[in-house]
Amino acid sequence: MKPIIRALKEVDLDEADRISRIAFGTFLGLLDPGTFYGDADFVRTRFRADPSLSLAAEMYGQLVGSNFVANWGSVGFFGPLTVRPDLWDKGIGKNLLNKTLEIFEILGTKHIGLFTFSHSPKHIHFYQKYDFWPRFLTNVMSKPVGSASKTKEHEAPTPTNWFKYSDVPHDRKSTILGNCSSLTNSIYRGLDLRNEIVSITTQKLGEIILLKANAKNDLGGLAVCHCGPRTEAGSGTCYVKFGMAANEGQSAPDNFDHLLEACERYAASQGLITLLAGVNIGNLGAYRKMISKGFKTEYQGVMMTKNNDPGYHKEDVYAIDDWR
């Protein structure tokens, strides 16, 4: 029976979440597959970011799989693409991916990719059929939030070179969003995180950390962060889903340093104990900088891109992005 590929609905979310956890947990051999992700949530958060970019696979009147598209302007990725384990190898993933590629065509996405298991020939072979090719590894890295970054509530705040998007006055938010778009456009034409920023703000999933570049408050960097349970981070964690440093005047390494420090200070202010970020080794300068700041790799996956396009994953681009 050929699966029906349709839009995912709010009523599907509990089952989609259950299937996603069991699918990954089964593949990885967990004793209790349903515990994968812990109290993090990659299904509801991505659905609510834009329901029109969420897909469901249905057979026999039942939900059997799902997939989610992230729209970052000219850049897009998808996942988690999951299918109920008892129905693996029956063409459901293929049908979900076919519809996913149609969405990217409608959006006009230029740089398309995914994150998958680097140790799985089966996954890599499947995506290669669609002209996705493995490039550099993505290292999912973490570090403990340092006690030196923690501030006590009764202490007066010290001057900082960063600020939070949530603190921006309402009448200036559109200007700041435009500045964020200009910043991301500087590393790849059309790369735009405004949808992601608005989604995190609307869903109250975390915070956007903004780095000041100079006295005029130009942006020297930004970090899109999920924090705590029922987000893509999980309990006790600040997860940098995307981050980048401006590269004006060859200042990117220093800006990236300051951005990581700002993320750690923000995490400490929220009582979080772990700072988590995925960095593609194609962005070698950023990877080396994270090692020097005490980040250690928890696990690795591989980024695969359509037409083997490198996009902005280049040695001198100081960026964090995790396409899980």
Protein backbone atom coordinates (compact mmCIF):
# COMPACT_ATOMS: atom_id res chain seq x y z
CA MET A 1 0.00 0.00 0.00
CA LYS A 2 1.44 3.38 -0.99
CA PRO A 3 1.52 5.88 1.89
CA ILE A 4 -0.50 9.06 1.77
CA ILE A 5 1.74 12.09 2.26
CA ARG A 6 -0.19 15.00 3.73
CA ALA A 7 0.25 17.98 6.01
CA LEU A 8 0.94 17.13 9.63
CA LYS A 9 -1.78 18.31 12.00
CA GLU A 10 -1.82 19.33 15.64
CA VAL A 11 -3.78 16.18 16.47
CA ASP A 12 -0.90 14.08 15.05
CA LEU A 13 1.81 15.50 17.28
CA ASP A 14 1.74 13.02 20.15
CA GLU A 15 1.99 10.07 17.78
CA ALA A 16 4.57 11.79 15.59
CA ASP A 17 6.68 12.45 18.67
CA ARG A 18 6.33 8.83 19.82
CA ILE A 19 7.34 7.45 16.41
CA SER A 20 10.30 9.82 16.15
CA ARG A 21 11.68 8.72 19.52
CA ILE A 22 11.12 5.02 18.89
CA ALA A 23 12.64 5.19 15.41
CA PHE A 24 15.90 6.77 16.59
CA GLY A 25 16.00 4.74 19.78
CA THR A 26 15.50 1.50 17.85
CA PHE A 27 18.20 2.33 15.31
CA LEU A 28 20.65 3.13 18.11
CA GLY A 29 19.77 -0.01 20.05
CA LEU A 30 18.41 1.60 23.22
CA LEU A 31 16.82 -0.77 25.74
CA ASP A 32 13.85 1.61 25.93
CA PRO A 33 13.73 3.31 22.51
CA GLY A 34 10.97 5.69 23.61
CA THR A 35 13.38 7.49 25.96
CA PHE A 36 15.39 8.95 23.07
CA TYR A 37 15.54 12.79 23.26
CA GLY A 38 14.76 12.66 27.00
CA ASP A 39 12.58 15.69 27.77
CA ALA A 40 13.74 17.58 24.66
CA ASP A 41 11.20 18.07 21.87
CA PHE A 42 12.07 18.19 18.18
CA VAL A 43 8.55 17.54 16.87
CA ARG A 44 6.20 20.08 18.44
CA THR A 45 8.76 22.89 18.28
CA ARG A 46 9.38 22.39 14.56
CA PHE A 47 5.71 21.89 13.72
CA ARG A 48 4.72 25.10 15.50
CA ALA A 49 7.49 27.05 13.80
CA ASP A 50 5.55 26.62 10.54
CA PRO A 51 2.87 23.89 10.28
CA SER A 52 2.83 24.26 6.48
CA LEU A 53 6.39 22.87 6.37
CA SER A 54 5.57 19.72 8.35
CA LEU A 55 4.68 16.43 6.63
CA ALA A 56 2.87 13.30 7.71
CA ALA A 57 2.89 9.81 6.18
CA GLU A 58 -0.31 7.84 6.65
CA MET A 59 -1.14 4.17 5.97
CA TYR A 60 -4.16 2.10 6.96
CA GLY A 61 -5.63 5.27 8.48
CA GLN A 62 -2.70 5.59 10.88
CA LEU A 63 0.23 8.00 11.15
CA VAL A 64 3.40 6.08 10.28
CA GLY A 65 6.03 8.79 9.79
CA SER A 66 6.80 12.50 9.58
CA ASN A 67 9.32 15.06 8.39
CA PHE A 68 9.99 18.76 9.02
CA VAL A 69 11.45 21.47 6.80
CA ALA A 70 13.47 24.37 8.21
CA ASN A 71 13.28 27.52 6.08
CA TRP A 72 16.30 29.77 6.61
CA GLY A 73 15.78 31.90 3.51
CA SER A 74 18.06 30.65 0.74
CA VAL A 75 19.17 27.83 3.06
CA GLY A 76 17.01 24.92 4.12
CA PHE A 77 17.36 21.54 5.76
CA PHE A 78 14.99 18.83 6.85
CA GLY A 79 14.49 16.43 9.70
CA PRO A 80 13.93 14.54 11.77
CA LEU A 81 12.60 12.29 9.01
CA THR A 82 11.31 9.21 10.83
CA VAL A 83 9.21 6.16 10.05
CA ARG A 84 7.65 3.60 12.39
CA PRO A 85 10.27 0.81 12.73
CA ASP A 86 7.92 -2.04 11.80
CA LEU A 87 7.38 -0.33 8.43
CA TRP A 88 11.00 0.42 7.55
CA ASP A 89 12.16 -0.35 3.99
CA LYS A 90 8.67 -0.05 2.50
CA GLY A 91 9.18 3.22 0.62
CA ILE A 92 7.64 5.53 3.24
CA GLY A 93 10.83 7.54 3.71
CA LYS A 94 11.18 7.85 -0.06
CA ASN A 95 7.68 9.29 -0.39
CA LEU A 96 8.25 11.73 2.48
CA LEU A 97 11.52 12.90 0.89
CA ASN A 98 9.94 13.35 -2.55
CA LYS A 99 7.33 15.69 -1.06
CA THR A 100 10.02 17.47 0.98
CA LEU A 101 11.99 18.28 -2.16
CA GLU A 102 8.83 19.69 -3.74
CA ILE A 103 8.55 22.08 -0.79
CA PHE A 104 12.12 23.28 -1.27
CA GLU A 105 11.38 23.88 -4.95
CA ILE A 106 8.35 26.01 -4.05
CA LEU A 107 10.39 27.95 -1.49
CA GLY A 108 13.19 28.52 -4.00
CA THR A 109 15.80 27.20 -1.56
CA LYS A 110 19.36 27.33 -2.93
CA HIS A 111 21.42 25.45 -0.34
CA ILE A 112 19.67 22.27 0.87
CA GLY A 113 20.97 19.69 3.28
CA LEU A 114 20.52 17.32 6.18
CA PHE A 115 22.28 15.76 9.15
CA THR A 116 22.45 11.98 9.36
CA PHE A 117 24.36 9.16 11.02
CA SER A 118 27.96 9.17 9.83
CA HIS A 119 28.33 5.47 10.71
CA SER A 120 25.32 4.31 8.68
CA PRO A 121 25.99 3.34 5.04
CA LYS A 122 22.26 2.70 4.68
CA HIS A 123 21.31 6.30 5.47
CA ILE A 124 24.08 7.80 3.35
CA HIS A 125 23.26 5.55 0.38
CA PHE A 126 19.57 6.48 0.62
CA TYR A 127 20.22 10.23 0.43
CA GLN A 128 22.86 9.87 -2.29
CA LYS A 129 20.10 8.59 -4.56
CA TYR A 130 18.69 12.13 -4.35
CA ASP A 131 22.03 13.82 -5.10
CA PHE A 132 22.83 14.58 -1.46
CA TRP A 133 26.52 13.99 -0.77
CA PRO A 134 28.39 13.66 2.52
CA ARG A 135 30.69 16.51 3.34
CA PHE A 136 32.34 17.30 6.68
CA LEU A 137 31.34 15.85 10.02
CA THR A 138 29.18 17.87 12.38
CA ASN A 139 30.39 17.53 15.96
CA VAL A 140 27.75 17.99 18.64
CA MET A 141 29.83 19.51 21.44
CA SER A 142 29.18 20.54 25.02
CA LYS A 143 30.85 22.13 28.01
CA PRO A 144 29.83 22.70 31.62
CA VAL A 145 28.62 26.21 32.31
CA GLY A 146 31.45 27.72 34.34
CA SER A 147 30.88 29.01 37.86
CA ALA A 148 32.83 32.15 36.95
CA SER A 149 30.03 33.02 34.54
CA LYS A 150 27.35 32.82 37.21
CA THR A 151 25.99 35.99 38.74
CA LYS A 152 24.00 36.32 41.93
CA GLU A 153 20.59 37.93 41.79
CA HIS A 154 21.48 40.65 44.34
CA GLU A 155 24.58 41.73 42.42
CA ALA A 156 24.35 44.75 40.15
CA PRO A 157 24.71 43.79 36.49
CA THR A 158 28.06 44.59 34.92
CA PRO A 159 28.37 46.27 31.51
CA THR A 160 28.36 43.73 28.70
CA ASN A 161 29.06 43.66 24.99
CA TRP A 162 25.87 41.68 24.30
CA PHE A 163 22.14 41.95 24.78
CA LYS A 164 19.03 39.77 24.51
CA TYR A 165 16.42 40.03 21.79
CA SER A 166 13.70 39.74 24.45
CA ASP A 167 14.96 43.02 25.95
CA VAL A 168 14.66 44.93 22.68
CA PRO A 169 11.72 47.41 22.76
CA HIS A 170 8.83 46.28 20.60
CA ASP A 171 9.15 49.23 18.23
CA ARG A 172 12.79 48.28 17.49
CA LYS A 173 12.38 44.54 17.03
CA SER A 174 11.81 44.75 13.27
CA THR A 175 14.99 46.81 12.92
CA ILE A 176 16.99 44.26 14.91
CA LEU A 177 15.52 41.43 12.82
CA GLY A 178 16.66 43.27 9.71
CA ASN A 179 20.14 43.65 11.20
CA CYS A 180 20.20 39.91 11.93
CA SER A 181 19.26 39.21 8.32
CA SER A 182 22.03 41.49 7.04
CA LEU A 183 24.53 39.72 9.30
CA THR A 184 23.63 36.22 8.12
CA ASN A 185 23.51 37.40 4.51
CA SER A 186 27.16 38.39 4.88
CA ILE A 187 28.26 34.74 5.04
CA TYR A 188 25.80 33.34 2.48
CA ARG A 189 23.53 35.31 0.19
CA GLY A 190 19.93 35.01 1.34
CA LEU A 191 20.64 33.13 4.60
CA ASP A 192 17.94 34.46 6.92
CA LEU A 193 17.15 33.31 10.48
CA ARG A 194 14.18 35.60 11.03
CA ASN A 195 11.68 32.73 10.94
CA GLU A 196 13.72 30.83 13.52
CA ILE A 197 14.07 33.88 15.77
CA VAL A 198 10.34 34.66 15.66
CA SER A 199 9.47 31.00 16.31
CA ILE A 200 11.70 30.78 19.39
CA THR A 201 10.30 34.05 20.70
CA THR A 202 6.66 33.14 20.06
CA GLN A 203 6.98 29.66 21.54
CA LYS A 204 9.13 30.91 24.45
CA LEU A 205 11.76 28.27 23.73
CA GLY A 206 14.84 30.26 24.68
CA GLU A 207 16.63 33.44 23.73
CA ILE A 208 18.49 35.21 20.93
CA ILE A 209 21.88 36.50 22.05
CA LEU A 210 23.08 39.55 20.10
CA LEU A 211 26.68 40.74 20.15
CA LYS A 212 27.49 44.43 19.87
CA ALA A 213 30.17 45.20 17.33
CA ASN A 214 30.88 48.83 18.26
CA ALA A 215 29.51 51.91 20.00
CA LYS A 216 26.83 52.25 17.32
CA ASN A 217 25.46 48.86 18.42
CA ASP A 218 26.00 47.20 15.04
CA LEU A 219 25.78 43.44 15.36
CA GLY A 220 29.03 41.53 15.77
CA GLY A 221 27.30 38.19 16.10
CA LEU A 222 24.14 36.34 17.03
CA ALA A 223 23.21 33.06 18.68
CA VAL A 224 19.82 31.36 18.46
CA CYS A 225 19.38 29.37 21.68
CA HIS A 226 16.91 26.80 22.99
CA CYS A 227 16.84 26.39 26.76
CA GLY A 228 15.44 23.72 29.07
CA PRO A 229 12.78 20.99 28.82
CA ARG A 230 10.22 20.80 26.01
CA THR A 231 12.60 22.61 23.68
CA GLU A 232 15.33 21.19 21.45
CA ALA A 233 17.74 21.57 24.38
CA GLY A 234 16.37 19.49 27.25
CA SER A 235 16.67 19.97 31.00
CA GLY A 236 19.64 21.94 32.27
CA THR A 237 20.88 22.75 28.78
CA CYS A 238 21.35 25.86 26.65
CA TYR A 239 21.52 24.64 23.05
CA VAL A 240 22.95 26.98 20.40
CA LYS A 241 21.06 25.90 17.30
CA PHE A 242 22.68 28.58 15.16
CA GLY A 243 25.39 31.11 15.86
CA MET A 244 27.80 33.23 13.86
CA ALA A 245 30.32 36.01 14.23
CA ALA A 246 30.69 39.00 11.93
CA ASN A 247 33.88 39.00 9.89
CA GLU A 248 34.46 42.71 9.35
CA GLY A 249 38.11 43.68 9.62
CA GLN A 250 39.22 40.10 10.22
CA SER A 251 37.58 40.27 13.64
CA ALA A 252 35.66 37.00 13.39
CA PRO A 253 37.81 34.95 15.83
CA ASP A 254 37.47 37.58 18.57
CA ASN A 255 33.77 38.10 17.86
CA PHE A 256 33.22 34.34 18.03
CA ASP A 257 35.07 34.21 21.35
CA HIS A 258 32.83 36.93 22.76
CA LEU A 259 29.71 35.21 21.41
CA LEU A 260 30.54 31.91 23.12
CA GLU A 261 31.23 33.76 26.37
CA ALA A 262 27.90 35.59 26.08
CA CYS A 263 26.03 32.31 25.55
CA GLU A 264 27.70 30.82 28.62
CA ARG A 265 26.88 33.86 30.74
CA TYR A 266 23.28 33.77 29.59
CA ALA A 267 23.06 30.03 30.38
CA ALA A 268 24.45 30.67 33.85
CA SER A 269 21.92 33.43 34.44
CA GLN A 270 19.15 30.91 33.71
CA GLY A 271 20.55 28.30 36.10
CA LEU A 272 21.50 25.96 33.25
CA ILE A 273 24.48 23.65 33.64
CA THR A 274 25.43 22.66 30.08
CA LEU A 275 26.16 24.65 26.93
CA LEU A 276 25.54 22.53 23.80
CA ALA A 277 26.31 23.36 20.17
CA GLY A 278 26.84 21.51 16.91
CA VAL A 279 29.64 22.77 14.69
CA ASN A 280 30.49 21.59 11.21
CA ILE A 281 34.18 20.86 10.77
CA GLY A 282 33.99 22.63 7.43
CA ASN A 283 33.92 25.74 9.65
CA LEU A 284 37.35 24.74 10.91
CA GLY A 285 38.16 28.03 12.64
CA ALA A 286 34.98 27.81 14.71
CA TYR A 287 35.63 24.15 15.56
CA ARG A 288 39.16 24.91 16.75
CA LYS A 289 37.93 27.87 18.77
CA MET A 290 35.31 25.74 20.52
CA ILE A 291 37.94 23.16 21.46
CA SER A 292 40.08 25.94 22.91
CA LYS A 293 37.07 27.13 24.97
CA GLY A 294 36.64 23.72 26.60
CA PHE A 295 33.95 22.14 24.42
CA LYS A 296 34.15 18.36 24.03
CA THR A 297 32.44 16.22 21.39
CA GLU A 298 29.46 14.16 22.58
CA TYR A 299 28.77 12.53 19.21
CA GLN A 300 29.20 13.09 15.49
CA GLY A 301 27.01 13.06 12.44
CA VAL A 302 27.63 14.00 8.85
CA MET A 303 26.19 16.89 6.88
CA MET A 304 24.96 15.99 3.40
CA THR A 305 24.15 18.71 0.87
CA LYS A 306 22.34 18.78 -2.44
CA ASN A 307 24.77 18.88 -5.37
CA ASN A 308 27.65 18.71 -2.85
CA ASP A 309 27.25 22.47 -2.33
CA PRO A 310 29.62 23.74 0.41
CA GLY A 311 27.38 26.72 1.20
CA TYR A 312 28.89 28.75 4.05
CA HIS A 313 30.71 25.79 5.61
CA LYS A 314 34.17 27.16 4.96
CA GLU A 315 37.29 27.34 7.08
CA ASP A 316 37.22 31.11 7.67
CA VAL A 317 33.47 31.37 8.44
CA TYR A 318 32.90 31.34 12.20
CA ALA A 319 29.50 29.70 12.45
CA ILE A 320 27.63 27.14 14.52
CA ASP A 321 24.75 25.28 12.96
CA ASP A 322 23.27 21.94 13.81
CA TRP A 323 20.98 20.44 11.17
CA ARG A 324 19.72 17.57 13.32
